[in-house]
Amino acid sequence: MKTGRLGNASPAKISVLLPADEAVRFEAYCEKRGHKKSTLIARLVREHLDREQFAMQAELFCGEGAKGKGP
């Protein structure tokens, strides 16, 4: 995943492994409710992080003029 400043990251691909019975259940849920699996997973992750009040702290020093070693 390419990350620039916080919030400007390009989408990352994440694979999720589920036991077969849970995968069938999830697929049936998505089909019945009209959800696209990837969109629902992204929403569930986002909602969970929000509920846990987990936020990334923006880098204090970024850009060309910042001193110190960068990536």
PDB file of N, CA and C in Angstrom:
ATOM      1  N   MET A   1       0.854  -1.179   0.000  1.00  0.00           N
ATOM      2  CA  MET A   1       0.000   0.000   0.000  1.00  0.00           C
ATOM      3  C   MET A   1       0.888   1.226   0.000  1.00  0.00           C
ATOM      4  N   LYS A   2       0.664   2.103  -0.920  1.00  0.00           N
ATOM      5  CA  LYS A   2       1.387   3.365  -0.934  1.00  0.00           C
ATOM      6  C   LYS A   2       0.715   4.309   0.033  1.00  0.00           C
ATOM      7  N   THR A   3       1.515   4.904   0.888  1.00  0.00           N
ATOM      8  CA  THR A   3       0.936   5.873   1.805  1.00  0.00           C
ATOM      9  C   THR A   3       1.672   7.187   1.657  1.00  0.00           C
ATOM     10  N   GLY A   4       0.910   8.210   1.521  1.00  0.00           N
ATOM     11  CA  GLY A   4       1.453   9.556   1.520  1.00  0.00           C
ATOM     12  C   GLY A   4       1.099  10.150   2.855  1.00  0.00           C
ATOM     13  N   ARG A   5       0.565  11.319   2.823  1.00  0.00           N
ATOM     14  CA  ARG A   5       0.065  11.906   4.062  1.00  0.00           C
ATOM     15  C   ARG A   5      -1.181  11.143   4.488  1.00  0.00           C
ATOM     16  N   LEU A   6      -1.456  11.161   5.760  1.00  0.00           N
ATOM     17  CA  LEU A   6      -2.588  10.438   6.303  1.00  0.00           C
ATOM     18  C   LEU A   6      -3.861  10.793   5.540  1.00  0.00           C
ATOM     19  N   GLY A   7      -4.606   9.792   5.127  1.00  0.00           N
ATOM     20  CA  GLY A   7      -5.844  10.025   4.403  1.00  0.00           C
ATOM     21  C   GLY A   7      -5.672  10.029   2.892  1.00  0.00           C
ATOM     22  N   ASN A   8      -4.444  10.025   2.409  1.00  0.00           N
ATOM     23  CA  ASN A   8      -4.196  10.037   0.976  1.00  0.00           C
ATOM     24  C   ASN A   8      -3.612   8.716   0.496  1.00  0.00           C
ATOM     25  N   ALA A   9      -3.935   7.636   1.181  1.00  0.00           N
ATOM     26  CA  ALA A   9      -3.405   6.337   0.808  1.00  0.00           C
ATOM     27  C   ALA A   9      -4.220   5.745  -0.337  1.00  0.00           C
ATOM     28  N   SER A  10      -3.526   5.080  -1.242  1.00  0.00           N
ATOM     29  CA  SER A  10      -4.255   4.372  -2.286  1.00  0.00           C
ATOM     30  C   SER A  10      -4.822   3.098  -1.669  1.00  0.00           C
ATOM     31  N   PRO A  11      -5.908   2.568  -2.223  1.00  0.00           N
ATOM     32  CA  PRO A  11      -6.532   1.380  -1.636  1.00  0.00           C
ATOM     33  C   PRO A  11      -5.566   0.204  -1.560  1.00  0.00           C
ATOM     34  N   ALA A  12      -5.668  -0.547  -0.479  1.00  0.00           N
ATOM     35  CA  ALA A  12      -4.833  -1.733  -0.294  1.00  0.00           C
ATOM     36  C   ALA A  12      -5.694  -2.971  -0.493  1.00  0.00           C
ATOM     37  N   LYS A  13      -5.093  -3.998  -1.023  1.00  0.00           N
ATOM     38  CA  LYS A  13      -5.803  -5.258  -1.190  1.00  0.00           C
ATOM     39  C   LYS A  13      -5.498  -6.123   0.026  1.00  0.00           C
ATOM     40  N   ILE A  14      -6.553  -6.633   0.653  1.00  0.00           N
ATOM     41  CA  ILE A  14      -6.420  -7.483   1.831  1.00  0.00           C
ATOM     42  C   ILE A  14      -7.191  -8.765   1.574  1.00  0.00           C
ATOM     43  N   SER A  15      -6.581  -9.891   1.859  1.00  0.00           N
ATOM     44  CA  SER A  15      -7.262 -11.177   1.724  1.00  0.00           C
ATOM     45  C   SER A  15      -7.755 -11.615   3.090  1.00  0.00           C
ATOM     46  N   VAL A  16      -8.960 -12.146   3.113  1.00  0.00           N
ATOM     47  CA  VAL A  16      -9.560 -12.615   4.358  1.00  0.00           C
ATOM     48  C   VAL A  16      -9.825 -14.107   4.223  1.00  0.00           C
ATOM     49  N   LEU A  17      -9.315 -14.869   5.169  1.00  0.00           N
ATOM     50  CA  LEU A  17      -9.544 -16.310   5.173  1.00  0.00           C
ATOM     51  C   LEU A  17     -10.606 -16.639   6.213  1.00  0.00           C
ATOM     52  N   LEU A  18     -11.659 -17.323   5.762  1.00  0.00           N
ATOM     53  CA  LEU A  18     -12.743 -17.737   6.648  1.00  0.00           C
ATOM     54  C   LEU A  18     -12.923 -19.243   6.532  1.00  0.00           C
ATOM     55  N   PRO A  19     -13.335 -19.883   7.609  1.00  0.00           N
ATOM     56  CA  PRO A  19     -13.714 -21.292   7.479  1.00  0.00           C
ATOM     57  C   PRO A  19     -14.845 -21.400   6.456  1.00  0.00           C
ATOM     58  N   ALA A  20     -14.921 -22.522   5.786  1.00  0.00           N
ATOM     59  CA  ALA A  20     -15.882 -22.694   4.694  1.00  0.00           C
ATOM     60  C   ALA A  20     -17.313 -22.391   5.115  1.00  0.00           C
ATOM     61  N   ASP A  21     -17.723 -22.847   6.291  1.00  0.00           N
ATOM     62  CA  ASP A  21     -19.100 -22.611   6.714  1.00  0.00           C
ATOM     63  C   ASP A  21     -19.381 -21.128   6.943  1.00  0.00           C
ATOM     64  N   GLU A  22     -18.408 -20.396   7.468  1.00  0.00           N
ATOM     65  CA  GLU A  22     -18.584 -18.952   7.671  1.00  0.00           C
ATOM     66  C   GLU A  22     -18.584 -18.211   6.338  1.00  0.00           C
ATOM     67  N   ALA A  23     -17.767 -18.678   5.396  1.00  0.00           N
ATOM     68  CA  ALA A  23     -17.738 -18.052   4.071  1.00  0.00           C
ATOM     69  C   ALA A  23     -19.076 -18.213   3.367  1.00  0.00           C
ATOM     70  N   VAL A  24     -19.661 -19.397   3.464  1.00  0.00           N
ATOM     71  CA  VAL A  24     -20.972 -19.643   2.844  1.00  0.00           C
ATOM     72  C   VAL A  24     -22.017 -18.749   3.507  1.00  0.00           C
ATOM     73  N   ARG A  25     -21.969 -18.647   4.813  1.00  0.00           N
ATOM     74  CA  ARG A  25     -22.913 -17.795   5.557  1.00  0.00           C
ATOM     75  C   ARG A  25     -22.765 -16.330   5.148  1.00  0.00           C
ATOM     76  N   PHE A  26     -21.509 -15.857   5.047  1.00  0.00           N
ATOM     77  CA  PHE A  26     -21.240 -14.473   4.668  1.00  0.00           C
ATOM     78  C   PHE A  26     -21.729 -14.197   3.242  1.00  0.00           C
ATOM     79  N   GLU A  27     -21.447 -15.109   2.322  1.00  0.00           N
ATOM     80  CA  GLU A  27     -21.889 -14.934   0.940  1.00  0.00           C
ATOM     81  C   GLU A  27     -23.409 -14.895   0.843  1.00  0.00           C
ATOM     82  N   ALA A  28     -24.083 -15.756   1.606  1.00  0.00           N
ATOM     83  CA  ALA A  28     -25.550 -15.773   1.601  1.00  0.00           C
ATOM     84  C   ALA A  28     -26.098 -14.458   2.153  1.00  0.00           C
ATOM     85  N   TYR A  29     -25.473 -13.958   3.217  1.00  0.00           N
ATOM     86  CA  TYR A  29     -25.888 -12.684   3.805  1.00  0.00           C
ATOM     87  C   TYR A  29     -25.754 -11.556   2.778  1.00  0.00           C
ATOM     88  N   CYS A  30     -24.598 -11.490   2.132  1.00  0.00           N
ATOM     89  CA  CYS A  30     -24.360 -10.437   1.141  1.00  0.00           C
ATOM     90  C   CYS A  30     -25.359 -10.522  -0.005  1.00  0.00           C
ATOM     91  N   GLU A  31     -25.618 -11.730  -0.478  1.00  0.00           N
ATOM     92  CA  GLU A  31     -26.557 -11.897  -1.588  1.00  0.00           C
ATOM     93  C   GLU A  31     -27.971 -11.478  -1.178  1.00  0.00           C
ATOM     94  N   LYS A  32     -28.394 -11.905   0.005  1.00  0.00           N
ATOM     95  CA  LYS A  32     -29.751 -11.591   0.467  1.00  0.00           C
ATOM     96  C   LYS A  32     -29.929 -10.101   0.723  1.00  0.00           C
ATOM     97  N   ARG A  33     -28.895  -9.437   1.264  1.00  0.00           N
ATOM     98  CA  ARG A  33     -28.991  -8.022   1.611  1.00  0.00           C
ATOM     99  C   ARG A  33     -28.528  -7.090   0.502  1.00  0.00           C
ATOM    100  N   GLY A  34     -28.004  -7.649  -0.589  1.00  0.00           N
ATOM    101  CA  GLY A  34     -27.578  -6.835  -1.719  1.00  0.00           C
ATOM    102  C   GLY A  34     -26.245  -6.134  -1.524  1.00  0.00           C
ATOM    103  N   HIS A  35     -25.389  -6.712  -0.686  1.00  0.00           N
ATOM    104  CA  HIS A  35     -24.070  -6.117  -0.442  1.00  0.00           C
ATOM    105  C   HIS A  35     -23.027  -6.728  -1.368  1.00  0.00           C
ATOM    106  N   LYS A  36     -22.075  -5.925  -1.770  1.00  0.00           N
ATOM    107  CA  LYS A  36     -20.881  -6.435  -2.429  1.00  0.00           C
ATOM    108  C   LYS A  36     -19.933  -6.831  -1.300  1.00  0.00           C
ATOM    109  N   LYS A  37     -19.364  -8.020  -1.360  1.00  0.00           N
ATOM    110  CA  LYS A  37     -18.556  -8.528  -0.241  1.00  0.00           C
ATOM    111  C   LYS A  37     -17.426  -7.581   0.150  1.00  0.00           C
ATOM    112  N   SER A  38     -16.663  -7.109  -0.819  1.00  0.00           N
ATOM    113  CA  SER A  38     -15.511  -6.259  -0.493  1.00  0.00           C
ATOM    114  C   SER A  38     -15.943  -4.939   0.140  1.00  0.00           C
ATOM    115  N   THR A  39     -17.040  -4.371  -0.350  1.00  0.00           N
ATOM    116  CA  THR A  39     -17.545  -3.113   0.191  1.00  0.00           C
ATOM    117  C   THR A  39     -18.027  -3.299   1.625  1.00  0.00           C
ATOM    118  N   LEU A  40     -18.714  -4.398   1.889  1.00  0.00           N
ATOM    119  CA  LEU A  40     -19.199  -4.664   3.237  1.00  0.00           C
ATOM    120  C   LEU A  40     -18.040  -4.905   4.203  1.00  0.00           C
ATOM    121  N   ILE A  41     -17.047  -5.672   3.778  1.00  0.00           N
ATOM    122  CA  ILE A  41     -15.884  -5.914   4.645  1.00  0.00           C
ATOM    123  C   ILE A  41     -15.186  -4.600   4.972  1.00  0.00           C
ATOM    124  N   ALA A  42     -14.985  -3.746   3.973  1.00  0.00           N
ATOM    125  CA  ALA A  42     -14.338  -2.446   4.209  1.00  0.00           C
ATOM    126  C   ALA A  42     -15.143  -1.613   5.203  1.00  0.00           C
ATOM    127  N   ARG A  43     -16.474  -1.607   5.047  1.00  0.00           N
ATOM    128  CA  ARG A  43     -17.321  -0.850   5.971  1.00  0.00           C
ATOM    129  C   ARG A  43     -17.238  -1.415   7.388  1.00  0.00           C
ATOM    130  N   LEU A  44     -17.270  -2.735   7.521  1.00  0.00           N
ATOM    131  CA  LEU A  44     -17.198  -3.359   8.841  1.00  0.00           C
ATOM    132  C   LEU A  44     -15.872  -3.056   9.539  1.00  0.00           C
ATOM    133  N   VAL A  45     -14.783  -3.079   8.790  1.00  0.00           N
ATOM    134  CA  VAL A  45     -13.469  -2.751   9.370  1.00  0.00           C
ATOM    135  C   VAL A  45     -13.450  -1.294   9.821  1.00  0.00           C
ATOM    136  N   ARG A  46     -13.921  -0.397   8.952  1.00  0.00           N
ATOM    137  CA  ARG A  46     -13.955   1.031   9.276  1.00  0.00           C
ATOM    138  C   ARG A  46     -14.806   1.282  10.528  1.00  0.00           C
ATOM    139  N   GLU A  47     -15.993   0.666  10.581  1.00  0.00           N
ATOM    140  CA  GLU A  47     -16.875   0.842  11.732  1.00  0.00           C
ATOM    141  C   GLU A  47     -16.248   0.293  13.013  1.00  0.00           C
ATOM    142  N   HIS A  48     -15.561  -0.830  12.898  1.00  0.00           N
ATOM    143  CA  HIS A  48     -14.915  -1.407  14.078  1.00  0.00           C
ATOM    144  C   HIS A  48     -13.811  -0.484  14.600  1.00  0.00           C
ATOM    145  N   LEU A  49     -12.988   0.024  13.694  1.00  0.00           N
ATOM    146  CA  LEU A  49     -11.916   0.942  14.109  1.00  0.00           C
ATOM    147  C   LEU A  49     -12.484   2.216  14.727  1.00  0.00           C
ATOM    148  N   ASP A  50     -13.572   2.717  14.163  1.00  0.00           N
ATOM    149  CA  ASP A  50     -14.226   3.903  14.723  1.00  0.00           C
ATOM    150  C   ASP A  50     -14.790   3.612  16.114  1.00  0.00           C
ATOM    151  N   ARG A  51     -15.440   2.461  16.267  1.00  0.00           N
ATOM    152  CA  ARG A  51     -16.020   2.077  17.553  1.00  0.00           C
ATOM    153  C   ARG A  51     -14.938   1.919  18.626  1.00  0.00           C
ATOM    154  N   GLU A  52     -13.770   1.428  18.214  1.00  0.00           N
ATOM    155  CA  GLU A  52     -12.630   1.269  19.122  1.00  0.00           C
ATOM    156  C   GLU A  52     -11.881   2.586  19.322  1.00  0.00           C
ATOM    157  N   GLN A  53     -12.311   3.621  18.617  1.00  0.00           N
ATOM    158  CA  GLN A  53     -11.695   4.945  18.660  1.00  0.00           C
ATOM    159  C   GLN A  53     -10.196   4.878  18.351  1.00  0.00           C
ATOM    160  N   PHE A  54      -9.870   4.078  17.328  1.00  0.00           N
ATOM    161  CA  PHE A  54      -8.482   3.935  16.906  1.00  0.00           C
ATOM    162  C   PHE A  54      -8.223   4.889  15.755  1.00  0.00           C
ATOM    163  N   ALA A  55      -7.255   5.767  15.934  1.00  0.00           N
ATOM    164  CA  ALA A  55      -6.903   6.725  14.881  1.00  0.00           C
ATOM    165  C   ALA A  55      -5.384   6.781  14.756  1.00  0.00           C
ATOM    166  N   MET A  56      -4.933   6.928  13.530  1.00  0.00           N
ATOM    167  CA  MET A  56      -3.499   7.082  13.277  1.00  0.00           C
ATOM    168  C   MET A  56      -3.117   8.536  13.516  1.00  0.00           C
ATOM    169  N   GLN A  57      -1.965   8.728  14.124  1.00  0.00           N
ATOM    170  CA  GLN A  57      -1.469  10.083  14.319  1.00  0.00           C
ATOM    171  C   GLN A  57      -0.719  10.501  13.065  1.00  0.00           C
ATOM    172  N   ALA A  58      -1.029  11.667  12.568  1.00  0.00           N
ATOM    173  CA  ALA A  58      -0.348  12.187  11.379  1.00  0.00           C
ATOM    174  C   ALA A  58       1.124  12.432  11.714  1.00  0.00           C
ATOM    175  N   GLU A  59       1.969  12.266  10.707  1.00  0.00           N
ATOM    176  CA  GLU A  59       3.395  12.523  10.901  1.00  0.00           C
ATOM    177  C   GLU A  59       3.597  13.995  11.218  1.00  0.00           C
ATOM    178  N   LEU A  60       4.461  14.251  12.196  1.00  0.00           N
ATOM    179  CA  LEU A  60       4.715  15.631  12.588  1.00  0.00           C
ATOM    180  C   LEU A  60       5.559  16.366  11.555  1.00  0.00           C
ATOM    181  N   PHE A  61       6.505  15.666  10.971  1.00  0.00           N
ATOM    182  CA  PHE A  61       7.403  16.289  10.009  1.00  0.00           C
ATOM    183  C   PHE A  61       7.377  15.484   8.723  1.00  0.00           C
ATOM    184  N   CYS A  62       6.915  16.107   7.679  1.00  0.00           N
ATOM    185  CA  CYS A  62       6.924  15.438   6.386  1.00  0.00           C
ATOM    186  C   CYS A  62       7.211  16.477   5.313  1.00  0.00           C
ATOM    187  N   GLY A  63       7.730  16.009   4.244  1.00  0.00           N
ATOM    188  CA  GLY A  63       8.009  16.913   3.135  1.00  0.00           C
ATOM    189  C   GLY A  63       9.519  17.075   2.928  1.00  0.00           C
ATOM    190  N   GLU A  64       9.855  17.861   1.938  1.00  0.00           N
ATOM    191  CA  GLU A  64      11.230  18.051   1.524  1.00  0.00           C
ATOM    192  C   GLU A  64      12.117  18.689   2.583  1.00  0.00           C
ATOM    193  N   GLY A  65      11.585  19.649   3.351  1.00  0.00           N
ATOM    194  CA  GLY A  65      12.403  20.391   4.279  1.00  0.00           C
ATOM    195  C   GLY A  65      12.570  19.736   5.639  1.00  0.00           C
ATOM    196  N   ALA A  66      11.976  18.556   5.846  1.00  0.00           N
ATOM    197  CA  ALA A  66      12.071  17.899   7.144  1.00  0.00           C
ATOM    198  C   ALA A  66      13.482  17.383   7.388  1.00  0.00           C
ATOM    199  N   LYS A  67      13.966  17.563   8.599  1.00  0.00           N
ATOM    200  CA  LYS A  67      15.284  17.067   8.956  1.00  0.00           C
ATOM    201  C   LYS A  67      15.175  15.641   9.441  1.00  0.00           C
ATOM    202  N   GLY A  68      16.275  14.933   9.380  1.00  0.00           N
ATOM    203  CA  GLY A  68      16.301  13.543   9.842  1.00  0.00           C
ATOM    204  C   GLY A  68      16.125  12.595   8.688  1.00  0.00           C
ATOM    205  N   LYS A  69      16.219  11.328   9.012  1.00  0.00           N
ATOM    206  CA  LYS A  69      16.105  10.302   7.979  1.00  0.00           C
ATOM    207  C   LYS A  69      14.645  10.037   7.673  1.00  0.00           C
ATOM    208  N   GLY A  70      14.354   9.906   6.449  1.00  0.00           N
ATOM    209  CA  GLY A  70      13.018   9.567   5.996  1.00  0.00           C
ATOM    210  C   GLY A  70      13.006   8.165   5.420  1.00  0.00           C
ATOM    211  N   PRO A  71      11.863   7.707   4.983  1.00  0.00           N
ATOM    212  CA  PRO A  71      11.777   6.365   4.391  1.00  0.00           C
ATOM    213  C   PRO A  71      12.479   6.264   3.062  1.00  0.00           C
TER     214      PRO A  71
END
